[in-house]
Amino acid sequence: MLNNSEAKIATADALTLLLHNQQGIAAAIEELTKWFSESGVSSVAANATGALETLDTNAPGITDAIMRLRQS
């Protein structure tokens, strides 16, 4: 069983991987948004932009949680 310190490290590591996944998803959505926009599918591009905004909004909270775990 992990002690508290090991559990915090494991949690921070998992959150870091999830943040990296989120960044990769954001990059993919950004490329798709560009393609949708250039293809004249503006409603889909607008929805994709909304998804990007959500990812951007949540990234700092995840980063802060990772930093708090690593500093404690």
PDB file of N, CA and C in Angstrom:
ATOM      1  N   MET A   1       0.836  -1.179   0.000  1.00  0.00           N
ATOM      2  CA  MET A   1       0.000   0.000   0.000  1.00  0.00           C
ATOM      3  C   MET A   1       0.883   1.246   0.000  1.00  0.00           C
ATOM      4  N   LEU A   2       0.469   2.250  -0.743  1.00  0.00           N
ATOM      5  CA  LEU A   2       1.231   3.487  -0.839  1.00  0.00           C
ATOM      6  C   LEU A   2       1.029   4.343   0.410  1.00  0.00           C
ATOM      7  N   ASN A   3       2.130   4.986   0.847  1.00  0.00           N
ATOM      8  CA  ASN A   3       1.954   5.958   1.920  1.00  0.00           C
ATOM      9  C   ASN A   3       1.418   7.259   1.313  1.00  0.00           C
ATOM     10  N   ASN A   4       1.113   8.232   2.155  1.00  0.00           N
ATOM     11  CA  ASN A   4       0.493   9.476   1.684  1.00  0.00           C
ATOM     12  C   ASN A   4       1.360  10.196   0.654  1.00  0.00           C
ATOM     13  N   SER A   5       2.665  10.253   0.903  1.00  0.00           N
ATOM     14  CA  SER A   5       3.574  10.932  -0.025  1.00  0.00           C
ATOM     15  C   SER A   5       3.610  10.223  -1.376  1.00  0.00           C
ATOM     16  N   GLU A   6       3.690   8.906  -1.341  1.00  0.00           N
ATOM     17  CA  GLU A   6       3.706   8.137  -2.592  1.00  0.00           C
ATOM     18  C   GLU A   6       2.390   8.287  -3.342  1.00  0.00           C
ATOM     19  N   ALA A   7       1.288   8.345  -2.608  1.00  0.00           N
ATOM     20  CA  ALA A   7      -0.030   8.502  -3.232  1.00  0.00           C
ATOM     21  C   ALA A   7      -0.125   9.869  -3.917  1.00  0.00           C
ATOM     22  N   LYS A   8       0.419  10.910  -3.278  1.00  0.00           N
ATOM     23  CA  LYS A   8       0.402  12.244  -3.879  1.00  0.00           C
ATOM     24  C   LYS A   8       1.238  12.270  -5.154  1.00  0.00           C
ATOM     25  N   ILE A   9       2.395  11.623  -5.121  1.00  0.00           N
ATOM     26  CA  ILE A   9       3.254  11.567  -6.307  1.00  0.00           C
ATOM     27  C   ILE A   9       2.545  10.824  -7.436  1.00  0.00           C
ATOM     28  N   ALA A  10       1.932   9.695  -7.104  1.00  0.00           N
ATOM     29  CA  ALA A  10       1.222   8.914  -8.117  1.00  0.00           C
ATOM     30  C   ALA A  10       0.055   9.702  -8.703  1.00  0.00           C
ATOM     31  N   THR A  11      -0.651  10.430  -7.852  1.00  0.00           N
ATOM     32  CA  THR A  11      -1.766  11.245  -8.323  1.00  0.00           C
ATOM     33  C   THR A  11      -1.274  12.368  -9.226  1.00  0.00           C
ATOM     34  N   ALA A  12      -0.205  13.036  -8.801  1.00  0.00           N
ATOM     35  CA  ALA A  12       0.367  14.115  -9.622  1.00  0.00           C
ATOM     36  C   ALA A  12       0.852  13.577 -10.957  1.00  0.00           C
ATOM     37  N   ASP A  13       1.485  12.408 -10.945  1.00  0.00           N
ATOM     38  CA  ASP A  13       1.941  11.804 -12.201  1.00  0.00           C
ATOM     39  C   ASP A  13       0.767  11.485 -13.127  1.00  0.00           C
ATOM     40  N   ALA A  14      -0.315  10.948 -12.560  1.00  0.00           N
ATOM     41  CA  ALA A  14      -1.497  10.627 -13.365  1.00  0.00           C
ATOM     42  C   ALA A  14      -2.128  11.894 -13.931  1.00  0.00           C
ATOM     43  N   LEU A  15      -2.227  12.934 -13.102  1.00  0.00           N
ATOM     44  CA  LEU A  15      -2.781  14.195 -13.582  1.00  0.00           C
ATOM     45  C   LEU A  15      -1.906  14.809 -14.670  1.00  0.00           C
ATOM     46  N   THR A  16      -0.598  14.657 -14.538  1.00  0.00           N
ATOM     47  CA  THR A  16       0.318  15.176 -15.559  1.00  0.00           C
ATOM     48  C   THR A  16       0.074  14.476 -16.894  1.00  0.00           C
ATOM     49  N   LEU A  17      -0.096  13.171 -16.856  1.00  0.00           N
ATOM     50  CA  LEU A  17      -0.392  12.432 -18.087  1.00  0.00           C
ATOM     51  C   LEU A  17      -1.729  12.865 -18.685  1.00  0.00           C
ATOM     52  N   LEU A  18      -2.720  13.070 -17.838  1.00  0.00           N
ATOM     53  CA  LEU A  18      -4.013  13.540 -18.329  1.00  0.00           C
ATOM     54  C   LEU A  18      -3.903  14.935 -18.934  1.00  0.00           C
ATOM     55  N   LEU A  19      -3.099  15.794 -18.331  1.00  0.00           N
ATOM     56  CA  LEU A  19      -2.889  17.137 -18.889  1.00  0.00           C
ATOM     57  C   LEU A  19      -2.215  17.048 -20.253  1.00  0.00           C
ATOM     58  N   HIS A  20      -1.254  16.152 -20.392  1.00  0.00           N
ATOM     59  CA  HIS A  20      -0.590  15.969 -21.695  1.00  0.00           C
ATOM     60  C   HIS A  20      -1.597  15.465 -22.727  1.00  0.00           C
ATOM     61  N   ASN A  21      -2.469  14.552 -22.305  1.00  0.00           N
ATOM     62  CA  ASN A  21      -3.515  14.073 -23.219  1.00  0.00           C
ATOM     63  C   ASN A  21      -4.430  15.218 -23.616  1.00  0.00           C
ATOM     64  N   GLN A  22      -4.799  16.053 -22.644  1.00  0.00           N
ATOM     65  CA  GLN A  22      -5.668  17.190 -22.922  1.00  0.00           C
ATOM     66  C   GLN A  22      -5.018  18.127 -23.918  1.00  0.00           C
ATOM     67  N   GLN A  23      -3.732  18.359 -23.776  1.00  0.00           N
ATOM     68  CA  GLN A  23      -3.020  19.238 -24.707  1.00  0.00           C
ATOM     69  C   GLN A  23      -2.999  18.639 -26.114  1.00  0.00           C
ATOM     70  N   GLY A  24      -2.820  17.327 -26.204  1.00  0.00           N
ATOM     71  CA  GLY A  24      -2.850  16.662 -27.510  1.00  0.00           C
ATOM     72  C   GLY A  24      -4.225  16.722 -28.147  1.00  0.00           C
ATOM     73  N   ILE A  25      -5.256  16.527 -27.347  1.00  0.00           N
ATOM     74  CA  ILE A  25      -6.629  16.627 -27.854  1.00  0.00           C
ATOM     75  C   ILE A  25      -6.906  18.049 -28.331  1.00  0.00           C
ATOM     76  N   ALA A  26      -6.446  19.036 -27.573  1.00  0.00           N
ATOM     77  CA  ALA A  26      -6.643  20.429 -27.971  1.00  0.00           C
ATOM     78  C   ALA A  26      -5.976  20.712 -29.306  1.00  0.00           C
ATOM     79  N   ALA A  27      -4.773  20.199 -29.503  1.00  0.00           N
ATOM     80  CA  ALA A  27      -4.075  20.412 -30.780  1.00  0.00           C
ATOM     81  C   ALA A  27      -4.841  19.767 -31.929  1.00  0.00           C
ATOM     82  N   ALA A  28      -5.376  18.580 -31.695  1.00  0.00           N
ATOM     83  CA  ALA A  28      -6.146  17.904 -32.740  1.00  0.00           C
ATOM     84  C   ALA A  28      -7.434  18.662 -33.048  1.00  0.00           C
ATOM     85  N   ILE A  29      -8.121  19.119 -32.014  1.00  0.00           N
ATOM     86  CA  ILE A  29      -9.353  19.886 -32.228  1.00  0.00           C
ATOM     87  C   ILE A  29      -9.051  21.182 -32.968  1.00  0.00           C
ATOM     88  N   GLU A  30      -7.929  21.796 -32.640  1.00  0.00           N
ATOM     89  CA  GLU A  30      -7.541  23.036 -33.327  1.00  0.00           C
ATOM     90  C   GLU A  30      -7.350  22.797 -34.825  1.00  0.00           C
ATOM     91  N   GLU A  31      -6.692  21.696 -35.166  1.00  0.00           N
ATOM     92  CA  GLU A  31      -6.501  21.365 -36.589  1.00  0.00           C
ATOM     93  C   GLU A  31      -7.839  21.091 -37.270  1.00  0.00           C
ATOM     94  N   LEU A  32      -8.714  20.354 -36.592  1.00  0.00           N
ATOM     95  CA  LEU A  32     -10.027  20.074 -37.166  1.00  0.00           C
ATOM     96  C   LEU A  32     -10.847  21.356 -37.311  1.00  0.00           C
ATOM     97  N   THR A  33     -10.748  22.242 -36.330  1.00  0.00           N
ATOM     98  CA  THR A  33     -11.464  23.512 -36.404  1.00  0.00           C
ATOM     99  C   THR A  33     -11.032  24.305 -37.627  1.00  0.00           C
ATOM    100  N   LYS A  34      -9.738  24.335 -37.858  1.00  0.00           N
ATOM    101  CA  LYS A  34      -9.206  25.045 -39.038  1.00  0.00           C
ATOM    102  C   LYS A  34      -9.758  24.423 -40.316  1.00  0.00           C
ATOM    103  N   TRP A  35      -9.743  23.107 -40.369  1.00  0.00           N
ATOM    104  CA  TRP A  35     -10.231  22.405 -41.560  1.00  0.00           C
ATOM    105  C   TRP A  35     -11.726  22.649 -41.767  1.00  0.00           C
ATOM    106  N   PHE A  36     -12.522  22.563 -40.675  1.00  0.00           N
ATOM    107  CA  PHE A  36     -13.962  22.819 -40.781  1.00  0.00           C
ATOM    108  C   PHE A  36     -14.220  24.234 -41.280  1.00  0.00           C
ATOM    109  N   SER A  37     -13.478  25.174 -40.723  1.00  0.00           N
ATOM    110  CA  SER A  37     -13.657  26.583 -41.104  1.00  0.00           C
ATOM    111  C   SER A  37     -13.326  26.793 -42.583  1.00  0.00           C
ATOM    112  N   GLU A  38     -12.229  26.212 -43.029  1.00  0.00           N
ATOM    113  CA  GLU A  38     -11.822  26.345 -44.430  1.00  0.00           C
ATOM    114  C   GLU A  38     -12.762  25.611 -45.378  1.00  0.00           C
ATOM    115  N   SER A  39     -13.458  24.599 -44.859  1.00  0.00           N
ATOM    116  CA  SER A  39     -14.384  23.812 -45.671  1.00  0.00           C
ATOM    117  C   SER A  39     -15.792  24.386 -45.674  1.00  0.00           C
ATOM    118  N   GLY A  40     -15.978  25.498 -44.978  1.00  0.00           N
ATOM    119  CA  GLY A  40     -17.272  26.150 -44.970  1.00  0.00           C
ATOM    120  C   GLY A  40     -18.268  25.572 -43.988  1.00  0.00           C
ATOM    121  N   VAL A  41     -17.809  24.799 -43.045  1.00  0.00           N
ATOM    122  CA  VAL A  41     -18.697  24.217 -42.045  1.00  0.00           C
ATOM    123  C   VAL A  41     -18.544  25.024 -40.748  1.00  0.00           C
ATOM    124  N   SER A  42     -19.025  26.243 -40.803  1.00  0.00           N
ATOM    125  CA  SER A  42     -18.768  27.175 -39.703  1.00  0.00           C
ATOM    126  C   SER A  42     -19.447  26.767 -38.407  1.00  0.00           C
ATOM    127  N   SER A  43     -20.616  26.108 -38.469  1.00  0.00           N
ATOM    128  CA  SER A  43     -21.294  25.711 -37.230  1.00  0.00           C
ATOM    129  C   SER A  43     -20.483  24.653 -36.484  1.00  0.00           C
ATOM    130  N   VAL A  44     -19.876  23.735 -37.222  1.00  0.00           N
ATOM    131  CA  VAL A  44     -19.041  22.714 -36.592  1.00  0.00           C
ATOM    132  C   VAL A  44     -17.766  23.358 -36.065  1.00  0.00           C
ATOM    133  N   ALA A  45     -17.213  24.288 -36.809  1.00  0.00           N
ATOM    134  CA  ALA A  45     -16.014  24.998 -36.357  1.00  0.00           C
ATOM    135  C   ALA A  45     -16.295  25.763 -35.072  1.00  0.00           C
ATOM    136  N   ALA A  46     -17.475  26.364 -34.980  1.00  0.00           N
ATOM    137  CA  ALA A  46     -17.847  27.101 -33.767  1.00  0.00           C
ATOM    138  C   ALA A  46     -17.973  26.156 -32.572  1.00  0.00           C
ATOM    139  N   ASN A  47     -18.552  24.987 -32.782  1.00  0.00           N
ATOM    140  CA  ASN A  47     -18.659  24.001 -31.698  1.00  0.00           C
ATOM    141  C   ASN A  47     -17.277  23.524 -31.258  1.00  0.00           C
ATOM    142  N   ALA A  48     -16.405  23.313 -32.216  1.00  0.00           N
ATOM    143  CA  ALA A  48     -15.042  22.884 -31.884  1.00  0.00           C
ATOM    144  C   ALA A  48     -14.303  23.974 -31.122  1.00  0.00           C
ATOM    145  N   THR A  49     -14.540  25.220 -31.497  1.00  0.00           N
ATOM    146  CA  THR A  49     -13.927  26.340 -30.776  1.00  0.00           C
ATOM    147  C   THR A  49     -14.422  26.368 -29.338  1.00  0.00           C
ATOM    148  N   GLY A  50     -15.680  26.072 -29.120  1.00  0.00           N
ATOM    149  CA  GLY A  50     -16.218  25.986 -27.763  1.00  0.00           C
ATOM    150  C   GLY A  50     -15.543  24.899 -26.954  1.00  0.00           C
ATOM    151  N   ALA A  51     -15.277  23.773 -27.587  1.00  0.00           N
ATOM    152  CA  ALA A  51     -14.577  22.685 -26.898  1.00  0.00           C
ATOM    153  C   ALA A  51     -13.162  23.105 -26.525  1.00  0.00           C
ATOM    154  N   LEU A  52     -12.498  23.813 -27.430  1.00  0.00           N
ATOM    155  CA  LEU A  52     -11.147  24.319 -27.144  1.00  0.00           C
ATOM    156  C   LEU A  52     -11.156  25.288 -25.970  1.00  0.00           C
ATOM    157  N   GLU A  53     -12.163  26.133 -25.916  1.00  0.00           N
ATOM    158  CA  GLU A  53     -12.254  27.084 -24.811  1.00  0.00           C
ATOM    159  C   GLU A  53     -12.412  26.368 -23.476  1.00  0.00           C
ATOM    160  N   THR A  54     -13.185  25.287 -23.465  1.00  0.00           N
ATOM    161  CA  THR A  54     -13.344  24.498 -22.241  1.00  0.00           C
ATOM    162  C   THR A  54     -12.015  23.881 -21.821  1.00  0.00           C
ATOM    163  N   LEU A  55     -11.285  23.311 -22.773  1.00  0.00           N
ATOM    164  CA  LEU A  55      -9.977  22.734 -22.454  1.00  0.00           C
ATOM    165  C   LEU A  55      -9.029  23.801 -21.919  1.00  0.00           C
ATOM    166  N   ASP A  56      -9.039  24.972 -22.548  1.00  0.00           N
ATOM    167  CA  ASP A  56      -8.183  26.072 -22.098  1.00  0.00           C
ATOM    168  C   ASP A  56      -8.569  26.561 -20.707  1.00  0.00           C
ATOM    169  N   THR A  57      -9.855  26.588 -20.431  1.00  0.00           N
ATOM    170  CA  THR A  57     -10.336  27.034 -19.113  1.00  0.00           C
ATOM    171  C   THR A  57      -9.902  26.072 -18.011  1.00  0.00           C
ATOM    172  N   ASN A  58      -9.946  24.783 -18.295  1.00  0.00           N
ATOM    173  CA  ASN A  58      -9.659  23.774 -17.267  1.00  0.00           C
ATOM    174  C   ASN A  58      -8.176  23.483 -17.079  1.00  0.00           C
ATOM    175  N   ALA A  59      -7.351  23.762 -18.052  1.00  0.00           N
ATOM    176  CA  ALA A  59      -5.924  23.433 -17.961  1.00  0.00           C
ATOM    177  C   ALA A  59      -5.230  24.076 -16.765  1.00  0.00           C
ATOM    178  N   PRO A  60      -5.459  25.357 -16.469  1.00  0.00           N
ATOM    179  CA  PRO A  60      -4.772  25.939 -15.311  1.00  0.00           C
ATOM    180  C   PRO A  60      -5.156  25.272 -13.985  1.00  0.00           C
ATOM    181  N   GLY A  61      -6.403  24.871 -13.839  1.00  0.00           N
ATOM    182  CA  GLY A  61      -6.832  24.185 -12.620  1.00  0.00           C
ATOM    183  C   GLY A  61      -6.118  22.854 -12.442  1.00  0.00           C
ATOM    184  N   ILE A  62      -5.958  22.128 -13.527  1.00  0.00           N
ATOM    185  CA  ILE A  62      -5.237  20.853 -13.471  1.00  0.00           C
ATOM    186  C   ILE A  62      -3.772  21.108 -13.132  1.00  0.00           C
ATOM    187  N   THR A  63      -3.184  22.104 -13.780  1.00  0.00           N
ATOM    188  CA  THR A  63      -1.784  22.445 -13.515  1.00  0.00           C
ATOM    189  C   THR A  63      -1.593  22.853 -12.054  1.00  0.00           C
ATOM    190  N   ASP A  64      -2.498  23.658 -11.525  1.00  0.00           N
ATOM    191  CA  ASP A  64      -2.412  24.067 -10.122  1.00  0.00           C
ATOM    192  C   ASP A  64      -2.501  22.876  -9.177  1.00  0.00           C
ATOM    193  N   ALA A  65      -3.402  21.965  -9.471  1.00  0.00           N
ATOM    194  CA  ALA A  65      -3.540  20.769  -8.629  1.00  0.00           C
ATOM    195  C   ALA A  65      -2.267  19.932  -8.655  1.00  0.00           C
ATOM    196  N   ILE A  66      -1.676  19.803  -9.824  1.00  0.00           N
ATOM    197  CA  ILE A  66      -0.422  19.054  -9.941  1.00  0.00           C
ATOM    198  C   ILE A  66       0.667  19.716  -9.097  1.00  0.00           C
ATOM    199  N   MET A  67       0.771  21.028  -9.195  1.00  0.00           N
ATOM    200  CA  MET A  67       1.806  21.750  -8.445  1.00  0.00           C
ATOM    201  C   MET A  67       1.575  21.630  -6.937  1.00  0.00           C
ATOM    202  N   ARG A  68       0.318  21.731  -6.490  1.00  0.00           N
ATOM    203  CA  ARG A  68       0.042  21.591  -5.057  1.00  0.00           C
ATOM    204  C   ARG A  68       0.406  20.201  -4.560  1.00  0.00           C
ATOM    205  N   LEU A  69       0.087  19.188  -5.344  1.00  0.00           N
ATOM    206  CA  LEU A  69       0.445  17.826  -4.943  1.00  0.00           C
ATOM    207  C   LEU A  69       1.957  17.639  -4.870  1.00  0.00           C
ATOM    208  N   ARG A  70       2.662  18.168  -5.836  1.00  0.00           N
ATOM    209  CA  ARG A  70       4.115  17.992  -5.874  1.00  0.00           C
ATOM    210  C   ARG A  70       4.814  18.796  -4.765  1.00  0.00           C
ATOM    211  N   GLN A  71       4.220  19.891  -4.321  1.00  0.00           N
ATOM    212  CA  GLN A  71       4.833  20.712  -3.280  1.00  0.00           C
ATOM    213  C   GLN A  71       4.486  20.246  -1.880  1.00  0.00           C
ATOM    214  N   SER A  72       3.470  19.401  -1.752  1.00  0.00           N
ATOM    215  CA  SER A  72       3.078  18.972  -0.411  1.00  0.00           C
ATOM    216  C   SER A  72       3.779  17.701   0.014  1.00  0.00           C
TER     217      SER A  72
END
